[in-house]
Amino acid sequence: MKDALVFHQLTTVGDRDINQDCMANRIEQDYAVFVVADGLGGHQCGEKASEYLCRGLISQAPRFQPTMASAPATALKAWIDAAVGTMRSWFGDDPNAADAHTTCAMLYLDRQQTIAAHCGDSRIYYLAANQMLWRSKDHSKIQALRDAGCISEWEMGVHPGQTYLTRTVNVMRTPAIDCKRLPAIRPGDTFVLCSDGFWESIKDDEWLMLSQPDSGKPELAKLARMAVLRAQGKSDNCTVQWVRGAVS
């Protein structure tokens, strides 16, 4: 996939003391994997959870990638379960492991398909030049309000209950991950993976800035700065990955 993709990423601590977000990627000739995770929990628990999950998913890729073509749903579940097992081993006898939670947004690409998987409120967006084709649905109380038509897309990010999640990844139980199979990435298609510190301050029409044919790293950095500024001194960690099908 190295010849088929253009890729940029960035992260900033925002107005927090530490960055509990983590991101990782693996781009090989036949496939690519991108991950964004947003940790939750004190005593460095969130920071460790997001890092360990990202590292686990990337390190396990060669083991599970060969079966993604024939049985993607089964292979992905086993892949994520193995990554959580790796997290558990890295936590060892840390007494705070039970309080270590993280969200996850994962994108898998090969020549035949795209697989988007997520847990929590880290998101994946699928964009074409003039429209948003799809986005992952948060596992949160605020997403339920949005689904019921009680609030708008923009109001999700500024709602006082935005941080109440209904699902996270934790080493103490098997994670419940939503998975969606999409077509193989085409030239010009754009995927964005991000933590809530990025998406909660971006307006609907601004997402299309990231999907225009001439967009790239400058537009990504501009929106990240905007997200931090709009939070008015209360910005969360802000992490985003931008993946586009290369145009020959």
C-alpha atoms as a PDB file:
ATOM      1  CA  MET A   1       0.000   0.000   0.000  1.00  0.00           C
ATOM      2  CA  LYS A   2       3.014   2.305   0.207  1.00  0.00           C
ATOM      3  CA  ASP A   3       2.525   3.421  -3.368  1.00  0.00           C
ATOM      4  CA  ALA A   4      -1.242   3.855  -2.975  1.00  0.00           C
ATOM      5  CA  LEU A   5      -1.444   6.214   0.038  1.00  0.00           C
ATOM      6  CA  VAL A   6      -0.596   9.724   1.178  1.00  0.00           C
ATOM      7  CA  PHE A   7      -0.438  10.048   4.962  1.00  0.00           C
ATOM      8  CA  HIS A   8      -0.025  12.771   7.595  1.00  0.00           C
ATOM      9  CA  GLN A   9      -0.526  12.783  11.374  1.00  0.00           C
ATOM     10  CA  LEU A  10      -0.120  15.102  14.336  1.00  0.00           C
ATOM     11  CA  THR A  11      -0.820  15.293  18.055  1.00  0.00           C
ATOM     12  CA  THR A  12      -0.729  18.058  20.641  1.00  0.00           C
ATOM     13  CA  VAL A  13      -1.213  18.104  24.392  1.00  0.00           C
ATOM     14  CA  GLY A  14      -3.679  21.013  24.131  1.00  0.00           C
ATOM     15  CA  ASP A  15      -4.279  22.585  27.540  1.00  0.00           C
ATOM     16  CA  ARG A  16      -3.651  19.390  29.525  1.00  0.00           C
ATOM     17  CA  ASP A  17      -0.566  18.540  31.570  1.00  0.00           C
ATOM     18  CA  ILE A  18       0.142  15.273  29.763  1.00  0.00           C
ATOM     19  CA  ASN A  19      -0.874  13.720  26.467  1.00  0.00           C
ATOM     20  CA  GLN A  20      -2.940  10.577  27.046  1.00  0.00           C
ATOM     21  CA  ASP A  21      -3.617  10.207  23.321  1.00  0.00           C
ATOM     22  CA  CYS A  22      -1.501   7.834  21.273  1.00  0.00           C
ATOM     23  CA  MET A  23      -1.291   7.092  17.565  1.00  0.00           C
ATOM     24  CA  ALA A  24       0.512   4.483  15.503  1.00  0.00           C
ATOM     25  CA  ASN A  25       0.698   3.181  11.964  1.00  0.00           C
ATOM     26  CA  ARG A  26       2.184   0.394   9.894  1.00  0.00           C
ATOM     27  CA  ILE A  27       2.382   0.767   6.118  1.00  0.00           C
ATOM     28  CA  GLU A  28       3.516  -2.296   4.187  1.00  0.00           C
ATOM     29  CA  GLN A  29       3.453  -3.199   0.500  1.00  0.00           C
ATOM     30  CA  ASP A  30       0.187  -5.166   0.734  1.00  0.00           C
ATOM     31  CA  TYR A  31      -1.623  -3.504   3.627  1.00  0.00           C
ATOM     32  CA  ALA A  32      -1.668  -0.579   6.032  1.00  0.00           C
ATOM     33  CA  VAL A  33      -2.927  -0.078   9.588  1.00  0.00           C
ATOM     34  CA  PHE A  34      -3.635   3.193  11.386  1.00  0.00           C
ATOM     35  CA  VAL A  35      -4.645   3.595  15.034  1.00  0.00           C
ATOM     36  CA  VAL A  36      -5.683   6.468  17.312  1.00  0.00           C
ATOM     37  CA  ALA A  37      -6.380   5.877  21.011  1.00  0.00           C
ATOM     38  CA  ASP A  38      -7.428   8.253  23.782  1.00  0.00           C
ATOM     39  CA  GLY A  39      -6.594   7.090  27.294  1.00  0.00           C
ATOM     40  CA  LEU A  40      -8.711   7.617  30.394  1.00  0.00           C
ATOM     41  CA  GLY A  41      -7.666   7.269  34.018  1.00  0.00           C
ATOM     42  CA  GLY A  42      -5.349   8.810  36.583  1.00  0.00           C
ATOM     43  CA  HIS A  43      -1.954   7.587  37.830  1.00  0.00           C
ATOM     44  CA  GLN A  44      -0.753   7.465  34.182  1.00  0.00           C
ATOM     45  CA  CYS A  45      -3.332   4.733  33.555  1.00  0.00           C
ATOM     46  CA  GLY A  46      -4.831   6.406  30.497  1.00  0.00           C
ATOM     47  CA  GLU A  47      -1.445   7.216  29.051  1.00  0.00           C
ATOM     48  CA  LYS A  48      -0.328   3.604  29.414  1.00  0.00           C
ATOM     49  CA  ALA A  49      -3.607   2.143  28.137  1.00  0.00           C
ATOM     50  CA  SER A  50      -3.571   4.109  24.883  1.00  0.00           C
ATOM     51  CA  GLU A  51       0.129   3.456  24.263  1.00  0.00           C
ATOM     52  CA  TYR A  52      -0.076  -0.253  25.042  1.00  0.00           C
ATOM     53  CA  LEU A  53      -3.139  -0.745  22.833  1.00  0.00           C
ATOM     54  CA  CYS A  54      -1.546   1.036  19.878  1.00  0.00           C
ATOM     55  CA  ARG A  55       1.692  -0.889  20.283  1.00  0.00           C
ATOM     56  CA  GLY A  56      -0.200  -4.153  20.669  1.00  0.00           C
ATOM     57  CA  LEU A  57      -2.288  -3.659  17.533  1.00  0.00           C
ATOM     58  CA  ILE A  58       0.711  -2.720  15.399  1.00  0.00           C
ATOM     59  CA  SER A  59       2.964  -5.498  16.717  1.00  0.00           C
ATOM     60  CA  GLN A  60       0.260  -8.138  16.122  1.00  0.00           C
ATOM     61  CA  ALA A  61      -0.429  -7.048  12.530  1.00  0.00           C
ATOM     62  CA  PRO A  62       1.784  -9.632  10.753  1.00  0.00           C
ATOM     63  CA  ARG A  63       0.096 -12.432  12.700  1.00  0.00           C
ATOM     64  CA  PHE A  64      -3.484 -11.595  11.726  1.00  0.00           C
ATOM     65  CA  GLN A  65      -3.196  -9.734   8.422  1.00  0.00           C
ATOM     66  CA  PRO A  66      -2.966 -12.899   6.269  1.00  0.00           C
ATOM     67  CA  THR A  67      -6.527 -13.930   7.242  1.00  0.00           C
ATOM     68  CA  MET A  68      -8.102 -10.489   6.852  1.00  0.00           C
ATOM     69  CA  ALA A  69      -8.961 -11.192   3.201  1.00  0.00           C
ATOM     70  CA  SER A  70     -10.913 -14.407   3.826  1.00  0.00           C
ATOM     71  CA  ALA A  71     -12.518 -13.706   7.218  1.00  0.00           C
ATOM     72  CA  PRO A  72     -12.069 -10.044   8.160  1.00  0.00           C
ATOM     73  CA  ALA A  73     -14.583  -9.880  11.018  1.00  0.00           C
ATOM     74  CA  THR A  74     -13.222 -12.994  12.731  1.00  0.00           C
ATOM     75  CA  ALA A  75      -9.598 -12.022  12.131  1.00  0.00           C
ATOM     76  CA  LEU A  76     -10.090  -8.473  13.396  1.00  0.00           C
ATOM     77  CA  LYS A  77     -11.777  -9.649  16.605  1.00  0.00           C
ATOM     78  CA  ALA A  78      -8.924 -12.068  17.257  1.00  0.00           C
ATOM     79  CA  TRP A  79      -6.408  -9.333  16.424  1.00  0.00           C
ATOM     80  CA  ILE A  80      -7.923  -6.881  18.907  1.00  0.00           C
ATOM     81  CA  ASP A  81      -8.269  -9.575  21.592  1.00  0.00           C
ATOM     82  CA  ALA A  82      -4.577 -10.405  21.132  1.00  0.00           C
ATOM     83  CA  ALA A  83      -3.636  -6.735  21.416  1.00  0.00           C
ATOM     84  CA  VAL A  84      -5.578  -6.468  24.680  1.00  0.00           C
ATOM     85  CA  GLY A  85      -3.762  -9.572  25.888  1.00  0.00           C
ATOM     86  CA  THR A  86      -0.492  -7.828  25.079  1.00  0.00           C
ATOM     87  CA  MET A  87      -1.694  -4.779  27.043  1.00  0.00           C
ATOM     88  CA  ARG A  88      -2.421  -7.036  29.997  1.00  0.00           C
ATOM     89  CA  SER A  89       1.071  -8.517  29.943  1.00  0.00           C
ATOM     90  CA  TRP A  90       2.674  -5.069  29.778  1.00  0.00           C
ATOM     91  CA  PHE A  91       0.626  -3.852  32.746  1.00  0.00           C
ATOM     92  CA  GLY A  92       1.786  -6.912  34.669  1.00  0.00           C
ATOM     93  CA  ASP A  93       0.912  -6.631  38.341  1.00  0.00           C
ATOM     94  CA  ASP A  94       0.234  -2.877  38.171  1.00  0.00           C
ATOM     95  CA  PRO A  95      -2.600  -2.361  40.717  1.00  0.00           C
ATOM     96  CA  ASN A  96      -4.011   0.468  38.605  1.00  0.00           C
ATOM     97  CA  ALA A  97      -4.598  -1.689  35.516  1.00  0.00           C
ATOM     98  CA  ALA A  98      -8.306  -2.103  36.281  1.00  0.00           C
ATOM     99  CA  ASP A  99      -8.730   1.675  36.088  1.00  0.00           C
ATOM    100  CA  ALA A 100      -6.860   2.014  32.790  1.00  0.00           C
ATOM    101  CA  HIS A 101      -9.243   2.595  29.887  1.00  0.00           C
ATOM    102  CA  THR A 102      -8.824   3.813  26.344  1.00  0.00           C
ATOM    103  CA  THR A 103     -10.890   4.500  23.267  1.00  0.00           C
ATOM    104  CA  CYS A 104      -9.772   3.133  19.913  1.00  0.00           C
ATOM    105  CA  ALA A 105     -10.163   4.025  16.249  1.00  0.00           C
ATOM    106  CA  MET A 106      -8.486   1.590  13.845  1.00  0.00           C
ATOM    107  CA  LEU A 107      -8.332   1.602  10.047  1.00  0.00           C
ATOM    108  CA  TYR A 108      -7.122  -1.397   8.055  1.00  0.00           C
ATOM    109  CA  LEU A 109      -6.520  -1.082   4.303  1.00  0.00           C
ATOM    110  CA  ASP A 110      -5.522  -3.587   1.652  1.00  0.00           C
ATOM    111  CA  ARG A 111      -6.011  -3.846  -2.113  1.00  0.00           C
ATOM    112  CA  GLN A 112      -9.496  -5.391  -1.787  1.00  0.00           C
ATOM    113  CA  GLN A 113     -11.136  -3.688   1.196  1.00  0.00           C
ATOM    114  CA  THR A 114     -11.142  -1.146   3.987  1.00  0.00           C
ATOM    115  CA  ILE A 115     -12.055  -2.130   7.554  1.00  0.00           C
ATOM    116  CA  ALA A 116     -12.941   0.535  10.121  1.00  0.00           C
ATOM    117  CA  ALA A 117     -13.164  -0.475  13.779  1.00  0.00           C
ATOM    118  CA  HIS A 118     -13.767   1.625  16.870  1.00  0.00           C
ATOM    119  CA  CYS A 119     -14.676   1.667  20.544  1.00  0.00           C
ATOM    120  CA  GLY A 120     -15.561   4.799  22.510  1.00  0.00           C
ATOM    121  CA  ASP A 121     -15.584   8.276  20.991  1.00  0.00           C
ATOM    122  CA  SER A 122     -12.411   8.349  18.934  1.00  0.00           C
ATOM    123  CA  ARG A 123     -13.747   8.636  15.410  1.00  0.00           C
ATOM    124  CA  ILE A 124     -13.176   7.602  11.819  1.00  0.00           C
ATOM    125  CA  TYR A 125     -14.446   9.787   8.965  1.00  0.00           C
ATOM    126  CA  TYR A 126     -14.743   8.684   5.338  1.00  0.00           C
ATOM    127  CA  LEU A 127     -14.734  11.662   2.978  1.00  0.00           C
ATOM    128  CA  ALA A 128     -15.050  12.365  -0.722  1.00  0.00           C
ATOM    129  CA  ALA A 129     -14.233  15.726  -2.275  1.00  0.00           C
ATOM    130  CA  ASN A 130     -17.659  17.246  -1.672  1.00  0.00           C
ATOM    131  CA  GLN A 131     -19.317  15.111   0.967  1.00  0.00           C
ATOM    132  CA  MET A 132     -18.924  13.106   4.129  1.00  0.00           C
ATOM    133  CA  LEU A 133     -19.677   9.521   3.136  1.00  0.00           C
ATOM    134  CA  TRP A 134     -19.640   7.997   6.609  1.00  0.00           C
ATOM    135  CA  ARG A 135     -18.437   8.454  10.167  1.00  0.00           C
ATOM    136  CA  SER A 136     -18.225   6.039  13.056  1.00  0.00           C
ATOM    137  CA  LYS A 137     -20.867   6.400  15.771  1.00  0.00           C
ATOM    138  CA  ASP A 138     -19.606   7.162  19.260  1.00  0.00           C
ATOM    139  CA  HIS A 139     -20.314   4.841  22.136  1.00  0.00           C
ATOM    140  CA  SER A 140     -21.610   7.624  24.354  1.00  0.00           C
ATOM    141  CA  LYS A 141     -24.761   9.060  25.873  1.00  0.00           C
ATOM    142  CA  ILE A 142     -24.410  12.103  23.643  1.00  0.00           C
ATOM    143  CA  GLN A 143     -24.456   9.941  20.498  1.00  0.00           C
ATOM    144  CA  ALA A 144     -27.784   8.554  21.705  1.00  0.00           C
ATOM    145  CA  LEU A 145     -29.119  12.107  21.951  1.00  0.00           C
ATOM    146  CA  ARG A 146     -27.855  12.807  18.428  1.00  0.00           C
ATOM    147  CA  ASP A 147     -29.479   9.633  17.076  1.00  0.00           C
ATOM    148  CA  ALA A 148     -32.761  10.687  18.651  1.00  0.00           C
ATOM    149  CA  GLY A 149     -32.564  14.089  16.941  1.00  0.00           C
ATOM    150  CA  CYS A 150     -32.306  15.970  20.243  1.00  0.00           C
ATOM    151  CA  ILE A 151     -29.029  17.729  19.410  1.00  0.00           C
ATOM    152  CA  SER A 152     -27.103  18.657  16.277  1.00  0.00           C
ATOM    153  CA  GLU A 153     -23.736  17.291  15.165  1.00  0.00           C
ATOM    154  CA  TRP A 154     -22.006  20.482  16.323  1.00  0.00           C
ATOM    155  CA  GLU A 155     -23.765  20.382  19.699  1.00  0.00           C
ATOM    156  CA  MET A 156     -22.285  16.943  20.398  1.00  0.00           C
ATOM    157  CA  GLY A 157     -18.830  18.426  20.874  1.00  0.00           C
ATOM    158  CA  VAL A 158     -19.887  21.259  23.161  1.00  0.00           C
ATOM    159  CA  HIS A 159     -22.431  19.314  25.230  1.00  0.00           C
ATOM    160  CA  PRO A 160     -21.487  19.127  28.957  1.00  0.00           C
ATOM    161  CA  GLY A 161     -22.080  15.366  28.968  1.00  0.00           C
ATOM    162  CA  GLN A 162     -19.848  14.673  25.979  1.00  0.00           C
ATOM    163  CA  THR A 163     -17.314  12.694  28.009  1.00  0.00           C
ATOM    164  CA  TYR A 164     -19.775  10.052  29.293  1.00  0.00           C
ATOM    165  CA  LEU A 165     -18.823   6.919  27.364  1.00  0.00           C
ATOM    166  CA  THR A 166     -20.739   3.654  27.228  1.00  0.00           C
ATOM    167  CA  ARG A 167     -17.816   1.568  25.912  1.00  0.00           C
ATOM    168  CA  THR A 168     -14.038   1.618  26.334  1.00  0.00           C
ATOM    169  CA  VAL A 169     -11.156  -0.830  26.018  1.00  0.00           C
ATOM    170  CA  ASN A 170      -9.879  -2.226  29.337  1.00  0.00           C
ATOM    171  CA  VAL A 171      -7.662  -5.207  30.091  1.00  0.00           C
ATOM    172  CA  MET A 172     -10.167  -6.679  32.544  1.00  0.00           C
ATOM    173  CA  ARG A 173     -12.763  -7.664  29.948  1.00  0.00           C
ATOM    174  CA  THR A 174     -13.179  -8.515  26.277  1.00  0.00           C
ATOM    175  CA  PRO A 175     -13.701  -5.262  24.349  1.00  0.00           C
ATOM    176  CA  ALA A 176     -16.886  -4.657  22.360  1.00  0.00           C
ATOM    177  CA  ILE A 177     -15.689  -3.231  19.054  1.00  0.00           C
ATOM    178  CA  ASP A 178     -17.859  -2.013  16.176  1.00  0.00           C
ATOM    179  CA  CYS A 179     -16.530  -2.972  12.757  1.00  0.00           C
ATOM    180  CA  LYS A 180     -17.538  -1.731   9.300  1.00  0.00           C
ATOM    181  CA  ARG A 181     -16.353  -3.073   5.952  1.00  0.00           C
ATOM    182  CA  LEU A 182     -15.947  -0.464   3.213  1.00  0.00           C
ATOM    183  CA  PRO A 183     -14.664  -0.600  -0.372  1.00  0.00           C
ATOM    184  CA  ALA A 184     -10.946  -0.519  -1.066  1.00  0.00           C
ATOM    185  CA  ILE A 185      -9.622   3.012  -0.931  1.00  0.00           C
ATOM    186  CA  ARG A 186      -9.763   4.809  -4.273  1.00  0.00           C
ATOM    187  CA  PRO A 187      -7.569   7.671  -5.521  1.00  0.00           C
ATOM    188  CA  GLY A 188      -8.780  10.831  -3.790  1.00  0.00           C
ATOM    189  CA  ASP A 189     -10.729   9.062  -1.028  1.00  0.00           C
ATOM    190  CA  THR A 190      -9.845  10.445   2.415  1.00  0.00           C
ATOM    191  CA  PHE A 191     -10.044   8.882   5.868  1.00  0.00           C
ATOM    192  CA  VAL A 192      -9.553  10.812   9.098  1.00  0.00           C
ATOM    193  CA  LEU A 193      -8.984   9.130  12.470  1.00  0.00           C
ATOM    194  CA  CYS A 194      -9.075  11.412  15.499  1.00  0.00           C
ATOM    195  CA  SER A 195      -9.592  11.767  19.221  1.00  0.00           C
ATOM    196  CA  ASP A 196     -12.434  13.870  20.611  1.00  0.00           C
ATOM    197  CA  GLY A 197     -10.028  16.734  21.248  1.00  0.00           C
ATOM    198  CA  PHE A 198      -9.958  17.207  17.483  1.00  0.00           C
ATOM    199  CA  TRP A 199     -13.482  16.452  16.258  1.00  0.00           C
ATOM    200  CA  GLU A 200     -15.477  18.197  18.984  1.00  0.00           C
ATOM    201  CA  SER A 201     -14.459  21.663  17.760  1.00  0.00           C
ATOM    202  CA  ILE A 202     -14.679  21.112  13.984  1.00  0.00           C
ATOM    203  CA  LYS A 203     -17.798  22.291  12.173  1.00  0.00           C
ATOM    204  CA  ASP A 204     -19.571  20.174   9.567  1.00  0.00           C
ATOM    205  CA  ASP A 205     -18.449  22.172   6.540  1.00  0.00           C
ATOM    206  CA  GLU A 206     -14.853  22.338   7.775  1.00  0.00           C
ATOM    207  CA  TRP A 207     -14.418  18.585   7.441  1.00  0.00           C
ATOM    208  CA  LEU A 208     -14.568  19.028   3.686  1.00  0.00           C
ATOM    209  CA  MET A 209     -11.371  21.105   3.888  1.00  0.00           C
ATOM    210  CA  LEU A 210      -9.590  17.829   4.545  1.00  0.00           C
ATOM    211  CA  SER A 211     -11.053  16.109   1.500  1.00  0.00           C
ATOM    212  CA  GLN A 212     -10.271  18.643  -1.216  1.00  0.00           C
ATOM    213  CA  PRO A 213      -7.844  17.472  -3.922  1.00  0.00           C
ATOM    214  CA  ASP A 214      -5.200  20.035  -2.948  1.00  0.00           C
ATOM    215  CA  SER A 215      -5.521  19.546   0.827  1.00  0.00           C
ATOM    216  CA  GLY A 216      -2.942  17.906   3.046  1.00  0.00           C
ATOM    217  CA  LYS A 217      -0.714  18.638   6.008  1.00  0.00           C
ATOM    218  CA  PRO A 218      -1.267  22.449   6.104  1.00  0.00           C
ATOM    219  CA  GLU A 219      -5.065  22.039   6.287  1.00  0.00           C
ATOM    220  CA  LEU A 220      -4.715  19.334   8.936  1.00  0.00           C
ATOM    221  CA  ALA A 221      -2.500  21.557  11.084  1.00  0.00           C
ATOM    222  CA  LYS A 222      -4.849  24.529  10.617  1.00  0.00           C
ATOM    223  CA  LEU A 223      -7.868  22.602  11.872  1.00  0.00           C
ATOM    224  CA  ALA A 224      -5.896  21.186  14.805  1.00  0.00           C
ATOM    225  CA  ARG A 225      -4.859  24.705  15.866  1.00  0.00           C
ATOM    226  CA  MET A 226      -8.447  25.849  15.445  1.00  0.00           C
ATOM    227  CA  ALA A 227      -9.715  23.002  17.635  1.00  0.00           C
ATOM    228  CA  VAL A 228      -7.361  23.994  20.450  1.00  0.00           C
ATOM    229  CA  LEU A 229      -8.172  27.722  20.180  1.00  0.00           C
ATOM    230  CA  ARG A 230     -11.929  27.161  20.152  1.00  0.00           C
ATOM    231  CA  ALA A 231     -11.699  25.289  23.435  1.00  0.00           C
ATOM    232  CA  GLN A 232     -10.683  28.608  25.050  1.00  0.00           C
ATOM    233  CA  GLY A 233      -8.079  27.282  27.430  1.00  0.00           C
ATOM    234  CA  LYS A 234      -9.837  23.967  28.101  1.00  0.00           C
ATOM    235  CA  SER A 235      -8.571  21.951  25.153  1.00  0.00           C
ATOM    236  CA  ASP A 236      -8.235  18.211  25.488  1.00  0.00           C
ATOM    237  CA  ASN A 237      -5.346  16.342  23.868  1.00  0.00           C
ATOM    238  CA  CYS A 238      -5.789  16.635  20.112  1.00  0.00           C
ATOM    239  CA  THR A 239      -4.686  13.804  17.816  1.00  0.00           C
ATOM    240  CA  VAL A 240      -5.468  13.175  14.148  1.00  0.00           C
ATOM    241  CA  GLN A 241      -4.363  10.929  11.286  1.00  0.00           C
ATOM    242  CA  TRP A 242      -5.165  11.775   7.641  1.00  0.00           C
ATOM    243  CA  VAL A 243      -5.041   9.024   5.009  1.00  0.00           C
ATOM    244  CA  ARG A 244      -5.723   9.549   1.294  1.00  0.00           C
ATOM    245  CA  GLY A 245      -5.720   7.327  -1.739  1.00  0.00           C
ATOM    246  CA  ALA A 246      -2.867   8.569  -3.905  1.00  0.00           C
ATOM    247  CA  VAL A 247      -3.738  10.159  -7.219  1.00  0.00           C
ATOM    248  CA  SER A 248      -1.336   9.161  -9.989  1.00  0.00           C
END
